[in-house]
Amino acid sequence: MKYLPLILGNLLRHKRRSILTTLSVAIALFLYASLRSVSTTLDSATEAGSTSRMVVRNATGIVFPLPKSYINRLEAVPGVSRVSYANWFGAWYRSEREFFANFAVEAPSFLDMYPEIVVPPDQKTAFLQDRGSALVGVDLMEKYGWRLGQNVTLNGTIFPGEWTFTIRATYTVTNNAFDEMSFMFHYPYLEERTERRATPGWFYLKLDDPDRAPEVARTIDDQFRNSSTPTRTETERAFNAGFMTMWGNIKLLMGTIGLAVVFAILLVTGNAMMMSARERTAEIGVLKTVGFGGGLLFALEMSEAVVIAVVGALLGLGGAKLLWANVKAFQQFLPGFGVTPGTLAAGAGIALLLALVSGFVPAMRAYRLSVISALRTVE
């Protein structure tokens, strides 16, 4: 600690350079943490899902509906204890830019099947008793300043027209794989307004025994294989994983960009450290003359790089953690989006590597530089 004033003095000799170098490290690590968080969120989403739930969708694609009459045949499949269904509504609020996820759900069975969605008992009762009501995530309520009992009008796209709902309940989640930015309403209301032209987009199944999932999937798909609307039945986890593949190979893209940014900043930091060391060549000779050994000077040079990397890491990683913990912009597209402890640890490791690589060359130069060569240097 007694050499700390010397280290800080050297860093603050060129304040602008030191500040810009530190900010460069901070920005690089902020971008790395943010980009890596996309990958980790996608990974966690594909691993999320109950082993006792399955999804039945149209074999052609998720955008194609299924007949509601399938519900009776699905309920009769051995191993299936309950069936629910839902449909993507795809409406917007106020303007087409103000979009959020909205679904028509068969509310009683859906809420029973998803205990991860927590609704206050009194609000749940009010929601279930009012066919024209809506269940809204608390983050979405906060975003628009909505309140219980308020009427909200959505503009339909798949089902055109103005649709007015009364907010009767809000929900929170116990699993980060679910978001709190969705808008749900009663499927019977959708049927009523469309004169029963709307049909389910997919069915949810609750199993008696998760181990029977392969058998249940095979039975259902075989049953509807030769129908006009064949099905594809898969576990909820497999369904989530398939849905995430719609993003393409975004994990590779995010990783490549993150590493490229870090490499570029490594060059910037290394160049700044080399410039600082060259400017102090004569001083290094003086320090060696008064008794500073090569090992000590090596440590002092490395310490400067470490200080820049640590401060940059605190700003960059800490900023990413705080920002994405409080900004809900990505939650409706990437539920659970945030910087994980693993990402923070990886970022800290990169910061340490950055310090070692950028500081090693000037530190080794200070270690090897002779007193005569240093004092002969004209700046």
Protein backbone atom coordinates (compact mmCIF):
# COMPACT_ATOMS: atom_id res chain seq x y z
CA MET A 1 0.00 0.00 0.00
CA LYS A 2 2.91 2.38 0.53
CA TYR A 3 3.48 2.47 -3.23
CA LEU A 4 -0.14 3.30 -3.98
CA PRO A 5 0.48 7.10 -4.16
CA LEU A 6 3.25 6.46 -6.69
CA ILE A 7 0.95 4.26 -8.81
CA LEU A 8 -1.89 6.78 -8.70
CA GLY A 9 0.51 9.64 -9.38
CA ASN A 10 1.74 7.95 -12.55
CA LEU A 11 -1.82 7.26 -13.69
CA LEU A 12 -3.01 10.80 -12.99
CA ARG A 13 -0.05 12.40 -14.72
CA HIS A 14 -2.04 12.23 -17.94
CA LYS A 15 -5.57 12.35 -16.60
CA ARG A 16 -7.31 12.45 -19.96
CA ARG A 17 -5.42 9.43 -21.26
CA SER A 18 -6.04 7.42 -18.10
CA ILE A 19 -9.73 8.33 -18.01
CA LEU A 20 -10.27 7.48 -21.67
CA THR A 21 -8.39 4.19 -21.34
CA THR A 22 -10.44 3.23 -18.27
CA LEU A 23 -13.68 4.16 -20.03
CA SER A 24 -12.63 2.08 -23.02
CA VAL A 25 -12.22 -0.94 -20.76
CA ALA A 26 -15.55 -0.17 -19.07
CA ILE A 27 -17.42 0.08 -22.38
CA ALA A 28 -15.83 -3.12 -23.68
CA LEU A 29 -16.82 -5.08 -20.58
CA PHE A 30 -20.30 -3.52 -20.56
CA LEU A 31 -20.85 -4.67 -24.14
CA TYR A 32 -19.37 -8.08 -23.39
CA ALA A 33 -21.65 -8.58 -20.38
CA SER A 34 -24.73 -7.38 -22.29
CA LEU A 35 -24.05 -9.55 -25.34
CA ARG A 36 -23.20 -12.60 -23.26
CA SER A 37 -26.40 -12.09 -21.27
CA VAL A 38 -28.40 -12.63 -24.47
CA SER A 39 -26.74 -16.03 -24.87
CA THR A 40 -27.16 -17.03 -21.22
CA THR A 41 -30.82 -15.96 -21.28
CA LEU A 42 -31.46 -18.05 -24.38
CA ASP A 43 -29.73 -21.01 -22.73
CA SER A 44 -31.82 -20.68 -19.57
CA ALA A 45 -35.00 -20.32 -21.63
CA THR A 46 -34.33 -23.55 -23.50
CA GLU A 47 -33.76 -25.35 -20.21
CA ALA A 48 -36.88 -23.91 -18.60
CA GLY A 49 -40.19 -25.69 -18.52
CA SER A 50 -41.89 -28.23 -16.34
CA THR A 51 -41.30 -31.89 -17.04
CA SER A 52 -44.98 -32.54 -16.30
CA ARG A 53 -46.28 -30.24 -19.07
CA MET A 54 -46.42 -30.71 -22.83
CA VAL A 55 -47.43 -28.55 -25.79
CA VAL A 56 -49.46 -29.71 -28.79
CA ARG A 57 -49.20 -27.54 -31.90
CA ASN A 58 -49.86 -27.79 -35.59
CA ALA A 59 -47.19 -29.92 -37.29
CA THR A 60 -46.96 -27.39 -40.12
CA GLY A 61 -45.95 -24.54 -37.83
CA ILE A 62 -46.89 -22.68 -34.69
CA VAL A 63 -48.70 -19.96 -36.65
CA PHE A 64 -51.30 -22.46 -37.89
CA PRO A 65 -54.24 -23.16 -35.53
CA LEU A 66 -55.78 -26.42 -34.40
CA PRO A 67 -59.46 -27.42 -34.17
CA LYS A 68 -60.96 -26.89 -30.72
CA SER A 69 -62.63 -30.29 -31.05
CA TYR A 70 -59.23 -31.88 -30.39
CA ILE A 71 -59.64 -31.12 -26.70
CA ASN A 72 -61.93 -34.10 -26.04
CA ARG A 73 -59.56 -36.52 -27.73
CA LEU A 74 -56.56 -35.07 -25.92
CA GLU A 75 -58.30 -35.44 -22.55
CA ALA A 76 -58.89 -39.12 -23.33
CA VAL A 77 -55.20 -39.87 -23.93
CA PRO A 78 -53.77 -42.07 -21.12
CA GLY A 79 -51.38 -40.09 -18.92
CA VAL A 80 -53.00 -36.70 -19.58
CA SER A 81 -54.65 -35.26 -16.47
CA ARG A 82 -55.69 -31.84 -17.78
CA VAL A 83 -55.85 -29.90 -21.04
CA SER A 84 -55.80 -26.17 -21.64
CA TYR A 85 -55.41 -24.04 -24.75
CA ALA A 86 -54.43 -20.57 -25.87
CA ASN A 87 -54.13 -18.35 -28.91
CA TRP A 88 -51.77 -15.57 -29.89
CA PHE A 89 -53.80 -12.36 -30.18
CA GLY A 90 -51.16 -10.04 -31.63
CA ALA A 91 -52.79 -6.68 -30.85
CA TRP A 92 -51.15 -3.31 -30.17
CA TYR A 93 -51.87 -0.51 -27.74
CA ARG A 94 -52.20 3.15 -28.81
CA SER A 95 -49.76 2.75 -31.72
CA GLU A 96 -48.18 -0.17 -33.56
CA ARG A 97 -44.88 0.63 -31.87
CA GLU A 98 -46.39 -0.08 -28.45
CA PHE A 99 -46.51 -3.81 -28.73
CA PHE A 100 -46.45 -6.43 -25.99
CA ALA A 101 -47.30 -10.11 -25.79
CA ASN A 102 -51.06 -10.71 -25.54
CA PHE A 103 -52.87 -14.03 -25.48
CA ALA A 104 -56.35 -15.47 -25.23
CA VAL A 105 -56.24 -18.32 -22.68
CA GLU A 106 -58.66 -20.80 -21.20
CA ALA A 107 -58.14 -19.15 -17.84
CA PRO A 108 -59.25 -21.70 -15.19
CA SER A 109 -57.21 -24.60 -16.55
CA PHE A 110 -54.31 -22.38 -17.61
CA LEU A 111 -53.81 -20.86 -14.16
CA ASP A 112 -54.17 -24.25 -12.53
CA MET A 113 -51.55 -25.67 -14.85
CA TYR A 114 -49.06 -22.83 -14.28
CA PRO A 115 -48.43 -22.28 -10.57
CA GLU A 116 -45.40 -20.18 -11.55
CA ILE A 117 -47.90 -17.43 -12.40
CA VAL A 118 -49.01 -15.99 -9.06
CA VAL A 119 -52.27 -14.04 -8.85
CA PRO A 120 -53.70 -12.63 -5.57
CA PRO A 121 -56.74 -14.77 -4.62
CA ASP A 122 -59.27 -11.90 -4.64
CA GLN A 123 -58.03 -10.66 -8.00
CA LYS A 124 -58.06 -14.17 -9.42
CA THR A 125 -61.69 -14.57 -8.42
CA ALA A 126 -62.61 -11.24 -10.03
CA PHE A 127 -60.77 -12.17 -13.21
CA LEU A 128 -62.40 -15.58 -13.54
CA GLN A 129 -65.88 -14.14 -12.99
CA ASP A 130 -65.60 -11.45 -15.67
CA ARG A 131 -65.39 -12.75 -19.23
CA GLY A 132 -64.32 -9.36 -20.57
CA SER A 133 -61.49 -8.91 -18.08
CA ALA A 134 -57.73 -9.14 -18.41
CA LEU A 135 -54.82 -10.49 -16.38
CA VAL A 136 -51.74 -8.26 -16.73
CA GLY A 137 -48.12 -8.64 -15.63
CA VAL A 138 -46.98 -6.19 -12.95
CA ASP A 139 -44.16 -4.82 -15.13
CA LEU A 140 -46.61 -4.03 -17.92
CA MET A 141 -48.92 -2.35 -15.40
CA GLU A 142 -46.03 -0.22 -14.18
CA LYS A 143 -44.91 0.66 -17.71
CA TYR A 144 -48.24 2.20 -18.67
CA GLY A 145 -49.41 3.29 -15.24
CA TRP A 146 -52.50 1.11 -15.44
CA ARG A 147 -54.59 0.29 -12.38
CA LEU A 148 -57.07 -2.40 -11.41
CA GLY A 149 -60.54 -1.72 -12.77
CA GLN A 150 -59.23 0.35 -15.68
CA ASN A 151 -60.51 -0.27 -19.20
CA VAL A 152 -57.78 -0.81 -21.80
CA THR A 153 -58.42 -0.90 -25.56
CA LEU A 154 -56.19 -2.98 -27.83
CA ASN A 155 -56.21 -2.81 -31.62
CA GLY A 156 -56.36 -6.23 -33.20
CA THR A 157 -54.20 -7.34 -36.12
CA ILE A 158 -55.00 -11.04 -36.52
CA PHE A 159 -58.49 -10.29 -35.25
CA PRO A 160 -59.17 -6.71 -36.46
CA GLY A 161 -61.05 -4.12 -34.52
CA GLU A 162 -60.93 -2.42 -31.14
CA TRP A 163 -61.00 -4.77 -28.19
CA THR A 164 -61.71 -3.31 -24.76
CA PHE A 165 -60.81 -5.21 -21.59
CA THR A 166 -61.15 -4.39 -17.90
CA ILE A 167 -58.04 -5.12 -15.85
CA ARG A 168 -59.22 -7.30 -12.98
CA ALA A 169 -55.98 -8.95 -11.90
CA THR A 170 -52.20 -8.69 -12.00
CA TYR A 171 -49.62 -11.42 -11.78
CA THR A 172 -46.04 -11.98 -10.69
CA VAL A 173 -43.85 -14.97 -11.48
CA THR A 174 -41.72 -17.32 -9.41
CA ASN A 175 -39.58 -18.40 -12.36
CA ASN A 176 -37.44 -15.98 -14.37
CA ALA A 177 -38.18 -17.94 -17.53
CA PHE A 178 -41.60 -16.29 -17.43
CA ASP A 179 -42.06 -12.58 -17.98
CA GLU A 180 -44.23 -10.03 -16.20
CA MET A 181 -44.94 -8.05 -19.38
CA SER A 182 -47.82 -10.09 -20.85
CA PHE A 183 -51.52 -9.37 -21.28
CA MET A 184 -53.94 -12.30 -21.02
CA PHE A 185 -57.69 -12.48 -21.41
CA HIS A 186 -60.44 -15.09 -21.66
CA TYR A 187 -60.57 -17.32 -24.71
CA PRO A 188 -64.41 -17.46 -24.63
CA TYR A 189 -64.43 -13.67 -25.15
CA LEU A 190 -62.34 -14.14 -28.31
CA GLU A 191 -64.74 -16.85 -29.49
CA GLU A 192 -67.73 -14.65 -28.81
CA ARG A 193 -66.37 -11.62 -30.67
CA THR A 194 -65.26 -13.69 -33.68
CA GLU A 195 -68.48 -15.76 -33.78
CA ARG A 196 -66.42 -18.87 -33.02
CA ARG A 197 -64.16 -18.46 -36.01
CA ALA A 198 -61.11 -18.34 -33.72
CA THR A 199 -59.55 -21.71 -32.93
CA PRO A 200 -56.73 -22.58 -30.49
CA GLY A 201 -53.18 -21.92 -31.56
CA TRP A 202 -51.88 -24.67 -29.30
CA PHE A 203 -52.89 -26.94 -26.43
CA TYR A 204 -51.21 -27.38 -23.06
CA LEU A 205 -51.17 -30.81 -21.44
CA LYS A 206 -50.59 -31.70 -17.81
CA LEU A 207 -49.24 -35.19 -17.27
CA ASP A 208 -49.82 -37.62 -14.43
CA ASP A 209 -46.28 -38.92 -14.79
CA PRO A 210 -43.50 -36.97 -16.56
CA ASP A 211 -41.83 -40.24 -17.54
CA ARG A 212 -44.75 -40.96 -19.85
CA ALA A 213 -44.07 -37.90 -22.02
CA PRO A 214 -42.60 -39.84 -25.00
CA GLU A 215 -45.52 -42.27 -24.95
CA VAL A 216 -48.09 -39.46 -24.75
CA ALA A 217 -46.44 -37.54 -27.61
CA ARG A 218 -46.37 -40.62 -29.83
CA THR A 219 -50.01 -41.48 -29.07
CA ILE A 220 -51.29 -37.99 -29.86
CA ASP A 221 -49.29 -37.47 -33.05
CA ASP A 222 -50.23 -40.94 -34.35
CA GLN A 223 -53.88 -40.20 -33.63
CA PHE A 224 -53.93 -37.05 -35.78
CA ARG A 225 -51.31 -38.03 -38.36
CA ASN A 226 -53.77 -38.58 -41.21
CA SER A 227 -56.10 -35.71 -40.31
CA SER A 228 -56.31 -32.38 -42.11
CA THR A 229 -54.39 -30.78 -39.24
CA PRO A 230 -51.67 -33.16 -37.96
CA THR A 231 -50.00 -32.32 -34.67
CA ARG A 232 -46.58 -32.12 -33.17
CA THR A 233 -46.45 -32.88 -29.46
CA GLU A 234 -43.37 -32.12 -27.39
CA THR A 235 -42.36 -31.35 -23.86
CA GLU A 236 -42.54 -27.75 -22.75
CA ARG A 237 -38.76 -27.63 -22.62
CA ALA A 238 -38.43 -28.89 -26.18
CA PHE A 239 -41.09 -26.41 -27.31
CA ASN A 240 -39.20 -23.52 -25.70
CA ALA A 241 -35.95 -24.67 -27.27
CA GLY A 242 -37.58 -24.85 -30.70
CA PHE A 243 -39.09 -21.40 -30.25
CA MET A 244 -35.67 -19.97 -29.39
CA THR A 245 -34.19 -21.34 -32.61
CA MET A 246 -36.22 -18.65 -34.38
CA TRP A 247 -33.48 -16.28 -33.23
CA GLY A 248 -31.04 -18.13 -35.48
CA ASN A 249 -27.42 -18.65 -34.41
CA ILE A 250 -27.49 -15.46 -32.39
CA LYS A 251 -25.28 -16.96 -29.67
CA LEU A 252 -22.37 -17.25 -32.11
CA LEU A 253 -22.98 -13.70 -33.33
CA MET A 254 -23.09 -12.25 -29.82
CA GLY A 255 -19.98 -14.15 -28.76
CA THR A 256 -18.01 -13.11 -31.84
CA ILE A 257 -18.91 -9.44 -31.44
CA GLY A 258 -18.09 -9.52 -27.73
CA LEU A 259 -14.65 -11.05 -28.27
CA ALA A 260 -13.90 -8.65 -31.11
CA VAL A 261 -14.71 -5.68 -28.89
CA VAL A 262 -12.54 -7.01 -26.07
CA PHE A 263 -9.62 -7.65 -28.46
CA ALA A 264 -9.87 -4.12 -29.86
CA ILE A 265 -9.84 -2.61 -26.38
CA LEU A 266 -6.87 -4.81 -25.47
CA LEU A 267 -4.90 -3.13 -28.25
CA VAL A 268 -5.99 0.33 -27.07
CA THR A 269 -5.08 -0.38 -23.46
CA GLY A 270 -1.75 -1.96 -24.38
CA ASN A 271 -0.85 1.02 -26.53
CA ALA A 272 -1.71 3.45 -23.73
CA MET A 273 0.41 1.52 -21.24
CA MET A 274 3.35 1.38 -23.67
CA MET A 275 3.16 5.13 -24.26
CA SER A 276 3.08 5.81 -20.52
CA ALA A 277 6.08 3.58 -19.93
CA ARG A 278 8.15 5.12 -22.74
CA GLU A 279 7.50 8.62 -21.41
CA ARG A 280 8.91 7.60 -18.02
CA THR A 281 12.06 5.85 -19.24
CA ALA A 282 14.41 8.36 -17.60
CA GLU A 283 12.43 8.17 -14.36
CA ILE A 284 12.82 4.41 -14.33
CA GLY A 285 16.58 4.92 -14.51
CA VAL A 286 16.46 7.34 -11.57
CA LEU A 287 14.33 4.93 -9.53
CA LYS A 288 16.80 2.12 -10.19
CA THR A 289 19.63 4.45 -9.18
CA VAL A 290 18.03 5.14 -5.78
CA GLY A 291 17.46 1.46 -5.06
CA PHE A 292 14.25 0.34 -6.79
CA GLY A 293 14.85 -3.18 -8.05
CA GLY A 294 13.70 -4.53 -11.38
CA GLY A 295 11.13 -6.77 -9.71
CA LEU A 296 9.58 -3.86 -7.84
CA LEU A 297 9.37 -1.74 -10.98
CA PHE A 298 7.83 -4.69 -12.81
CA ALA A 299 5.16 -4.92 -10.09
CA LEU A 300 4.50 -1.17 -10.17
CA GLU A 301 3.97 -1.17 -13.94
CA MET A 302 1.68 -4.17 -13.70
CA SER A 303 -0.21 -2.50 -10.86
CA GLU A 304 -1.05 0.45 -13.08
CA ALA A 305 -2.60 -1.87 -15.64
CA VAL A 306 -4.48 -3.69 -12.89
CA VAL A 307 -5.91 -0.45 -11.49
CA ILE A 308 -7.19 0.58 -14.94
CA ALA A 309 -8.67 -2.87 -15.54
CA VAL A 310 -10.30 -3.12 -12.09
CA VAL A 311 -11.86 0.35 -12.26
CA GLY A 312 -13.01 -0.33 -15.82
CA ALA A 313 -14.47 -3.69 -14.76
CA LEU A 314 -16.36 -2.14 -11.85
CA LEU A 315 -17.82 0.52 -14.11
CA GLY A 316 -18.59 -1.75 -17.05
CA LEU A 317 -19.78 -4.91 -15.32
CA GLY A 318 -21.44 -3.05 -12.47
CA GLY A 319 -23.18 -0.75 -14.93
CA ALA A 320 -24.47 -3.69 -16.98
CA LYS A 321 -25.73 -5.47 -13.87
CA LEU A 322 -27.56 -2.42 -12.53
CA LEU A 323 -28.93 -1.30 -15.89
CA TRP A 324 -30.43 -4.62 -16.98
CA ALA A 325 -31.77 -5.31 -13.51
CA ASN A 326 -33.87 -2.15 -13.69
CA VAL A 327 -34.65 -1.78 -17.40
CA LYS A 328 -37.41 -4.12 -18.58
CA ALA A 329 -37.11 -3.37 -22.29
CA PHE A 330 -36.05 -6.91 -23.23
CA GLN A 331 -38.21 -8.82 -20.77
CA GLN A 332 -41.12 -9.37 -23.16
CA PHE A 333 -38.76 -10.84 -25.78
CA LEU A 334 -36.21 -12.42 -23.45
CA PRO A 335 -37.87 -13.22 -20.10
CA GLY A 336 -35.33 -13.30 -17.32
CA PHE A 337 -32.82 -11.18 -19.24
CA GLY A 338 -30.07 -10.02 -16.91
CA VAL A 339 -26.40 -10.33 -16.09
CA THR A 340 -25.71 -13.60 -14.30
CA PRO A 341 -22.96 -14.22 -11.71
CA GLY A 342 -21.26 -16.42 -14.30
CA THR A 343 -21.13 -13.51 -16.73
CA LEU A 344 -19.71 -11.24 -14.04
CA ALA A 345 -17.05 -13.84 -13.25
CA ALA A 346 -16.18 -14.21 -16.94
CA GLY A 347 -15.97 -10.43 -17.28
CA ALA A 348 -13.71 -10.19 -14.25
CA GLY A 349 -11.48 -12.86 -15.78
CA ILE A 350 -11.28 -10.90 -19.03
CA ALA A 351 -10.41 -7.74 -17.08
CA LEU A 352 -7.59 -9.60 -15.31
CA LEU A 353 -6.32 -11.01 -18.61
CA LEU A 354 -6.52 -7.53 -20.11
CA ALA A 355 -4.39 -6.16 -17.28
CA LEU A 356 -1.81 -8.93 -17.55
CA VAL A 357 -1.44 -8.74 -21.33
CA SER A 358 -1.45 -4.95 -21.64
CA GLY A 359 0.86 -4.44 -18.68
CA PHE A 360 3.35 -7.23 -19.29
CA VAL A 361 5.38 -5.66 -22.12
CA PRO A 362 5.98 -2.25 -20.43
CA ALA A 363 6.56 -4.00 -17.09
CA MET A 364 9.13 -6.35 -18.61
CA ARG A 365 10.79 -3.40 -20.30
CA ALA A 366 11.10 -1.62 -16.95
CA TYR A 367 12.49 -4.80 -15.41
CA ARG A 368 15.20 -5.25 -18.07
CA LEU A 369 16.11 -1.61 -18.70
CA SER A 370 19.59 -0.75 -17.47
CA VAL A 371 20.28 2.46 -15.57
CA ILE A 372 22.66 3.74 -18.26
CA SER A 373 20.24 3.09 -21.10
CA ALA A 374 17.40 4.71 -19.20
CA LEU A 375 19.36 7.86 -18.30
CA ARG A 376 20.66 8.24 -21.84
CA THR A 377 17.10 8.36 -23.20
CA VAL A 378 16.08 11.83 -24.38
CA GLU A 379 12.30 12.40 -24.27
